[in-house]
PDB file of N, CA and C in Angstrom:
ATOM      1  N   MET A   1     128.089 118.855  75.135  1.00  0.00           N
ATOM      2  CA  MET A   1     128.191 117.993  76.285  1.00  0.00           C
ATOM      3  C   MET A   1     127.752 116.584  75.929  1.00  0.00           C
ATOM      4  N   LYS A   2     128.385 115.638  76.552  1.00  0.00           N
ATOM      5  CA  LYS A   2     127.985 114.255  76.367  1.00  0.00           C
ATOM      6  C   LYS A   2     126.769 113.968  77.231  1.00  0.00           C
ATOM      7  N   GLY A   3     126.102 112.868  76.964  1.00  0.00           N
ATOM      8  CA  GLY A   3     124.886 112.525  77.695  1.00  0.00           C
ATOM      9  C   GLY A   3     125.103 112.413  79.187  1.00  0.00           C
ATOM     10  N   ARG A   4     126.202 111.790  79.580  1.00  0.00           N
ATOM     11  CA  ARG A   4     126.479 111.627  81.006  1.00  0.00           C
ATOM     12  C   ARG A   4     126.790 112.964  81.657  1.00  0.00           C
ATOM     13  N   ASP A   5     127.468 113.841  80.930  1.00  0.00           N
ATOM     14  CA  ASP A   5     127.791 115.159  81.474  1.00  0.00           C
ATOM     15  C   ASP A   5     126.535 115.986  81.715  1.00  0.00           C
ATOM     16  N   ILE A   6     125.539 115.823  80.869  1.00  0.00           N
ATOM     17  CA  ILE A   6     124.285 116.563  81.049  1.00  0.00           C
ATOM     18  C   ILE A   6     123.582 116.107  82.320  1.00  0.00           C
ATOM     19  N   VAL A   7     123.593 114.808  82.573  1.00  0.00           N
ATOM     20  CA  VAL A   7     122.947 114.282  83.771  1.00  0.00           C
ATOM     21  C   VAL A   7     123.658 114.770  85.020  1.00  0.00           C
ATOM     22  N   THR A   8     124.985 114.691  85.039  1.00  0.00           N
ATOM     23  CA  THR A   8     125.722 115.138  86.222  1.00  0.00           C
ATOM     24  C   THR A   8     125.631 116.652  86.384  1.00  0.00           C
ATOM     25  N   HIS A   9     125.480 117.388  85.293  1.00  0.00           N
ATOM     26  CA  HIS A   9     125.342 118.843  85.374  1.00  0.00           C
ATOM     27  C   HIS A   9     124.029 119.219  86.075  1.00  0.00           C
ATOM     28  N   CYS A  10     123.003 118.404  85.902  1.00  0.00           N
ATOM     29  CA  CYS A  10     121.715 118.677  86.541  1.00  0.00           C
ATOM     30  C   CYS A  10     121.793 118.531  88.049  1.00  0.00           C
ATOM     31  N   PHE A  11     122.702 117.672  88.525  1.00  0.00           N
ATOM     32  CA  PHE A  11     122.814 117.446  89.956  1.00  0.00           C
ATOM     33  C   PHE A  11     123.701 118.476  90.645  1.00  0.00           C
ATOM     34  N   ARG A  12     124.415 119.261  89.900  1.00  0.00           N
ATOM     35  CA  ARG A  12     125.291 120.270  90.482  1.00  0.00           C
ATOM     36  C   ARG A  12     124.520 121.533  90.804  1.00  0.00           C
ATOM     37  N   ARG A  13     125.026 122.241  91.794  1.00  0.00           N
ATOM     38  CA  ARG A  13     124.553 123.581  92.144  1.00  0.00           C
ATOM     39  C   ARG A  13     123.062 123.652  92.431  1.00  0.00           C
ATOM     40  N   GLY A  14     122.513 122.633  93.068  1.00  0.00           N
ATOM     41  CA  GLY A  14     121.115 122.702  93.492  1.00  0.00           C
ATOM     42  C   GLY A  14     120.100 122.643  92.374  1.00  0.00           C
ATOM     43  N   ARG A  15     120.432 122.061  91.269  1.00  0.00           N
ATOM     44  CA  ARG A  15     119.493 121.986  90.145  1.00  0.00           C
ATOM     45  C   ARG A  15     118.559 120.797  90.240  1.00  0.00           C
ATOM     46  N   LEU A  16     118.813 119.921  91.184  1.00  0.00           N
ATOM     47  CA  LEU A  16     117.984 118.725  91.297  1.00  0.00           C
ATOM     48  C   LEU A  16     116.512 119.055  91.559  1.00  0.00           C
ATOM     49  N   PRO A  17     116.183 119.985  92.459  1.00  0.00           N
ATOM     50  CA  PRO A  17     114.752 120.305  92.639  1.00  0.00           C
ATOM     51  C   PRO A  17     114.082 120.817  91.361  1.00  0.00           C
ATOM     52  N   ALA A  18     114.794 121.599  90.585  1.00  0.00           N
ATOM     53  CA  ALA A  18     114.216 122.104  89.340  1.00  0.00           C
ATOM     54  C   ALA A  18     113.996 120.972  88.341  1.00  0.00           C
ATOM     55  N   VAL A  19     114.926 120.043  88.277  1.00  0.00           N
ATOM     56  CA  VAL A  19     114.790 118.911  87.361  1.00  0.00           C
ATOM     57  C   VAL A  19     113.637 118.021  87.809  1.00  0.00           C
ATOM     58  N   MET A  20     113.520 117.792  89.117  1.00  0.00           N
ATOM     59  CA  MET A  20     112.431 116.963  89.627  1.00  0.00           C
ATOM     60  C   MET A  20     111.081 117.622  89.378  1.00  0.00           C
ATOM     61  N   LEU A  21     111.011 118.927  89.524  1.00  0.00           N
ATOM     62  CA  LEU A  21     109.771 119.645  89.242  1.00  0.00           C
ATOM     63  C   LEU A  21     109.399 119.530  87.771  1.00  0.00           C
ATOM     64  N   LEU A  22     110.367 119.636  86.898  1.00  0.00           N
ATOM     65  CA  LEU A  22     110.118 119.506  85.464  1.00  0.00           C
ATOM     66  C   LEU A  22     109.629 118.106  85.111  1.00  0.00           C
ATOM     67  N   VAL A  23     110.247 117.091  85.689  1.00  0.00           N
ATOM     68  CA  VAL A  23     109.836 115.709  85.428  1.00  0.00           C
ATOM     69  C   VAL A  23     108.430 115.460  85.974  1.00  0.00           C
ATOM     70  N   ALA A  24     108.137 115.984  87.155  1.00  0.00           N
ATOM     71  CA  ALA A  24     106.806 115.807  87.735  1.00  0.00           C
ATOM     72  C   ALA A  24     105.741 116.505  86.896  1.00  0.00           C
ATOM     73  N   ALA A  25     106.058 117.686  86.385  1.00  0.00           N
ATOM     74  CA  ALA A  25     105.099 118.403  85.544  1.00  0.00           C
ATOM     75  C   ALA A  25     104.846 117.641  84.244  1.00  0.00           C
ATOM     76  N   ALA A  26     105.900 117.100  83.654  1.00  0.00           N
ATOM     77  CA  ALA A  26     105.736 116.343  82.412  1.00  0.00           C
ATOM     78  C   ALA A  26     104.944 115.067  82.647  1.00  0.00           C
ATOM     79  N   ALA A  27     105.181 114.422  83.770  1.00  0.00           N
ATOM     80  CA  ALA A  27     104.463 113.180  84.069  1.00  0.00           C
ATOM     81  C   ALA A  27     102.991 113.450  84.354  1.00  0.00           C
ATOM     82  N   SER A  28     102.702 114.572  84.989  1.00  0.00           N
ATOM     83  CA  SER A  28     101.302 114.858  85.299  1.00  0.00           C
ATOM     84  C   SER A  28     100.503 115.239  84.063  1.00  0.00           C
ATOM     85  N   ARG A  29     101.158 115.754  83.063  1.00  0.00           N
ATOM     86  CA  ARG A  29     100.451 116.154  81.839  1.00  0.00           C
ATOM     87  C   ARG A  29     100.067 114.954  80.985  1.00  0.00           C
ATOM     88  N   GLY A  30     100.926 113.977  80.873  1.00  0.00           N
ATOM     89  CA  GLY A  30     100.629 112.859  79.982  1.00  0.00           C
ATOM     90  C   GLY A  30     100.779 111.511  80.642  1.00  0.00           C
ATOM     91  N   GLY A  31     100.801 111.478  81.953  1.00  0.00           N
ATOM     92  CA  GLY A  31     101.089 110.247  82.647  1.00  0.00           C
ATOM     93  C   GLY A  31      99.902 109.412  83.038  1.00  0.00           C
ATOM     94  N   CYS A  32      98.697 109.853  82.748  1.00  0.00           N
ATOM     95  CA  CYS A  32      97.521 109.097  83.190  1.00  0.00           C
ATOM     96  C   CYS A  32      97.495 107.708  82.557  1.00  0.00           C
ATOM     97  N   GLY A  33      97.780 107.636  81.287  1.00  0.00           N
ATOM     98  CA  GLY A  33      97.804 106.340  80.619  1.00  0.00           C
ATOM     99  C   GLY A  33      98.918 105.456  81.134  1.00  0.00           C
ATOM    100  N   VAL A  34     100.028 106.070  81.499  1.00  0.00           N
ATOM    101  CA  VAL A  34     101.160 105.313  82.042  1.00  0.00           C
ATOM    102  C   VAL A  34     100.803 104.760  83.418  1.00  0.00           C
ATOM    103  N   VAL A  35     100.098 105.543  84.211  1.00  0.00           N
ATOM    104  CA  VAL A  35      99.708 105.092  85.548  1.00  0.00           C
ATOM    105  C   VAL A  35      98.634 104.017  85.458  1.00  0.00           C
ATOM    106  N   ALA A  36      97.732 104.134  84.526  1.00  0.00           N
ATOM    107  CA  ALA A  36      96.637 103.168  84.396  1.00  0.00           C
ATOM    108  C   ALA A  36      97.086 101.869  83.731  1.00  0.00           C
ATOM    109  N   PHE A  37      98.207 101.878  83.046  1.00  0.00           N
ATOM    110  CA  PHE A  37      98.667 100.696  82.313  1.00  0.00           C
ATOM    111  C   PHE A  37      98.830  99.458  83.205  1.00  0.00           C
ATOM    112  N   PRO A  38      99.509  99.552  84.360  1.00  0.00           N
ATOM    113  CA  PRO A  38      99.634  98.340  85.190  1.00  0.00           C
ATOM    114  C   PRO A  38      98.288  97.823  85.694  1.00  0.00           C
ATOM    115  N   VAL A  39      97.365  98.722  85.966  1.00  0.00           N
ATOM    116  CA  VAL A  39      96.043  98.297  86.436  1.00  0.00           C
ATOM    117  C   VAL A  39      95.301  97.580  85.311  1.00  0.00           C
ATOM    118  N   ARG A  40      95.385  98.117  84.112  1.00  0.00           N
ATOM    119  CA  ARG A  40      94.718  97.473  82.968  1.00  0.00           C
ATOM    120  C   ARG A  40      95.363  96.123  82.635  1.00  0.00           C
ATOM    121  N   THR A  41      96.681  96.049  82.758  1.00  0.00           N
ATOM    122  CA  THR A  41      97.384  94.793  82.486  1.00  0.00           C
ATOM    123  C   THR A  41      96.991  93.731  83.511  1.00  0.00           C
ATOM    124  N   THR A  42      96.935  94.124  84.768  1.00  0.00           N
ATOM    125  CA  THR A  42      96.521  93.195  85.816  1.00  0.00           C
ATOM    126  C   THR A  42      95.082  92.743  85.597  1.00  0.00           C
ATOM    127  N   SER A  43      94.226  93.656  85.205  1.00  0.00           N
ATOM    128  CA  SER A  43      92.835  93.315  84.944  1.00  0.00           C
ATOM    129  C   SER A  43      92.727  92.301  83.810  1.00  0.00           C
ATOM    130  N   ALA A  44      93.493  92.526  82.764  1.00  0.00           N
ATOM    131  CA  ALA A  44      93.459  91.595  81.634  1.00  0.00           C
ATOM    132  C   ALA A  44      93.983  90.216  82.029  1.00  0.00           C
ATOM    133  N   ALA A  45      94.997  90.179  82.857  1.00  0.00           N
ATOM    134  CA  ALA A  45      95.542  88.889  83.309  1.00  0.00           C
ATOM    135  C   ALA A  45      94.563  88.164  84.221  1.00  0.00           C
ATOM    136  N   VAL A  46      93.857  88.900  85.059  1.00  0.00           N
ATOM    137  CA  VAL A  46      92.908  88.288  85.987  1.00  0.00           C
ATOM    138  C   VAL A  46      91.688  87.764  85.247  1.00  0.00           C
ATOM    139  N   LYS A  47      91.302  88.398  84.159  1.00  0.00           N
ATOM    140  CA  LYS A  47      90.117  87.960  83.406  1.00  0.00           C
ATOM    141  C   LYS A  47      90.284  86.567  82.806  1.00  0.00           C
ATOM    142  N   VAL A  48      91.512  86.089  82.734  1.00  0.00           N
ATOM    143  CA  VAL A  48      91.774  84.768  82.168  1.00  0.00           C
ATOM    144  C   VAL A  48      91.318  83.664  83.120  1.00  0.00           C
ATOM    145  N   VAL A  49      91.276  83.954  84.404  1.00  0.00           N
ATOM    146  CA  VAL A  49      90.852  82.963  85.395  1.00  0.00           C
ATOM    147  C   VAL A  49      89.390  82.605  85.122  1.00  0.00           C
ATOM    148  N   PRO A  50      89.064  81.328  85.000  1.00  0.00           N
ATOM    149  CA  PRO A  50      87.741  80.926  84.536  1.00  0.00           C
ATOM    150  C   PRO A  50      86.544  81.414  85.350  1.00  0.00           C
ATOM    151  N   VAL A  51      86.480  81.189  86.639  1.00  0.00           N
ATOM    152  CA  VAL A  51      85.255  81.474  87.380  1.00  0.00           C
ATOM    153  C   VAL A  51      85.270  82.865  87.993  1.00  0.00           C
ATOM    154  N   ALA A  52      86.313  83.192  88.711  1.00  0.00           N
ATOM    155  CA  ALA A  52      86.340  84.441  89.479  1.00  0.00           C
ATOM    156  C   ALA A  52      87.002  85.589  88.727  1.00  0.00           C
ATOM    157  N   GLY A  53      87.443  85.361  87.537  1.00  0.00           N
ATOM    158  CA  GLY A  53      88.184  86.383  86.802  1.00  0.00           C
ATOM    159  C   GLY A  53      87.418  87.666  86.565  1.00  0.00           C
ATOM    160  N   ASP A  54      86.196  87.555  86.093  1.00  0.00           N
ATOM    161  CA  ASP A  54      85.402  88.753  85.809  1.00  0.00           C
ATOM    162  C   ASP A  54      85.023  89.502  87.082  1.00  0.00           C
ATOM    163  N   VAL A  55      84.788  88.770  88.150  1.00  0.00           N
ATOM    164  CA  VAL A  55      84.415  89.401  89.412  1.00  0.00           C
ATOM    165  C   VAL A  55      85.586  90.194  89.982  1.00  0.00           C
ATOM    166  N   VAL A  56      86.768  89.622  89.917  1.00  0.00           N
ATOM    167  CA  VAL A  56      87.955  90.295  90.451  1.00  0.00           C
ATOM    168  C   VAL A  56      88.386  91.429  89.532  1.00  0.00           C
ATOM    169  N   ALA A  57      88.188  91.296  88.241  1.00  0.00           N
ATOM    170  CA  ALA A  57      88.640  92.302  87.290  1.00  0.00           C
ATOM    171  C   ALA A  57      87.739  93.533  87.253  1.00  0.00           C
ATOM    172  N   ALA A  58      86.495  93.409  87.676  1.00  0.00           N
ATOM    173  CA  ALA A  58      85.567  94.547  87.624  1.00  0.00           C
ATOM    174  C   ALA A  58      86.059  95.760  88.409  1.00  0.00           C
ATOM    175  N   PRO A  59      86.505  95.605  89.667  1.00  0.00           N
ATOM    176  CA  PRO A  59      87.019  96.787  90.376  1.00  0.00           C
ATOM    177  C   PRO A  59      88.285  97.349  89.752  1.00  0.00           C
ATOM    178  N   LEU A  60      89.093  96.472  89.173  1.00  0.00           N
ATOM    179  CA  LEU A  60      90.311  96.954  88.504  1.00  0.00           C
ATOM    180  C   LEU A  60      89.966  97.795  87.276  1.00  0.00           C
ATOM    181  N   ASP A  61      88.948  97.371  86.538  1.00  0.00           N
ATOM    182  CA  ASP A  61      88.512  98.163  85.379  1.00  0.00           C
ATOM    183  C   ASP A  61      87.973  99.535  85.792  1.00  0.00           C
ATOM    184  N   VAL A  62      87.228  99.552  86.877  1.00  0.00           N
ATOM    185  CA  VAL A  62      86.689 100.828  87.375  1.00  0.00           C
ATOM    186  C   VAL A  62      87.827 101.733  87.825  1.00  0.00           C
ATOM    187  N   THR A  63      88.813 101.151  88.500  1.00  0.00           N
ATOM    188  CA  THR A  63      89.966 101.934  88.967  1.00  0.00           C
ATOM    189  C   THR A  63      90.732 102.521  87.787  1.00  0.00           C
ATOM    190  N   ALA A  64      90.958 101.734  86.753  1.00  0.00           N
ATOM    191  CA  ALA A  64      91.673 102.237  85.574  1.00  0.00           C
ATOM    192  C   ALA A  64      90.875 103.340  84.873  1.00  0.00           C
ATOM    193  N   ASP A  65      89.559 103.211  84.834  1.00  0.00           N
ATOM    194  CA  ASP A  65      88.729 104.250  84.240  1.00  0.00           C
ATOM    195  C   ASP A  65      88.806 105.555  85.039  1.00  0.00           C
ATOM    196  N   VAL A  66      88.843 105.437  86.361  1.00  0.00           N
ATOM    197  CA  VAL A  66      88.947 106.630  87.201  1.00  0.00           C
ATOM    198  C   VAL A  66      90.299 107.297  87.004  1.00  0.00           C
ATOM    199  N   ILE A  67      91.354 106.531  86.869  1.00  0.00           N
ATOM    200  CA  ILE A  67      92.693 107.091  86.657  1.00  0.00           C
ATOM    201  C   ILE A  67      92.728 107.850  85.330  1.00  0.00           C
ATOM    202  N   ASP A  68      92.121 107.269  84.292  1.00  0.00           N
ATOM    203  CA  ASP A  68      92.119 107.946  82.988  1.00  0.00           C
ATOM    204  C   ASP A  68      91.212 109.154  83.059  1.00  0.00           C
TER     205      ASP A  68
END
């Protein structure tokens, strides 16, 4: 099967819930770093601000640590 045929085959005959469950299971196993990445990126960008950067970034760092 070609790549596109595999994708459309998953949507046929009610296979979408099974595919979504598989994707959700895979994301929950190794997705913590992926979920924390935007928070860490935002924290790093905010730290560049001279005066208030560290104050604003502190809760973001704690949030990213909790996610991990």
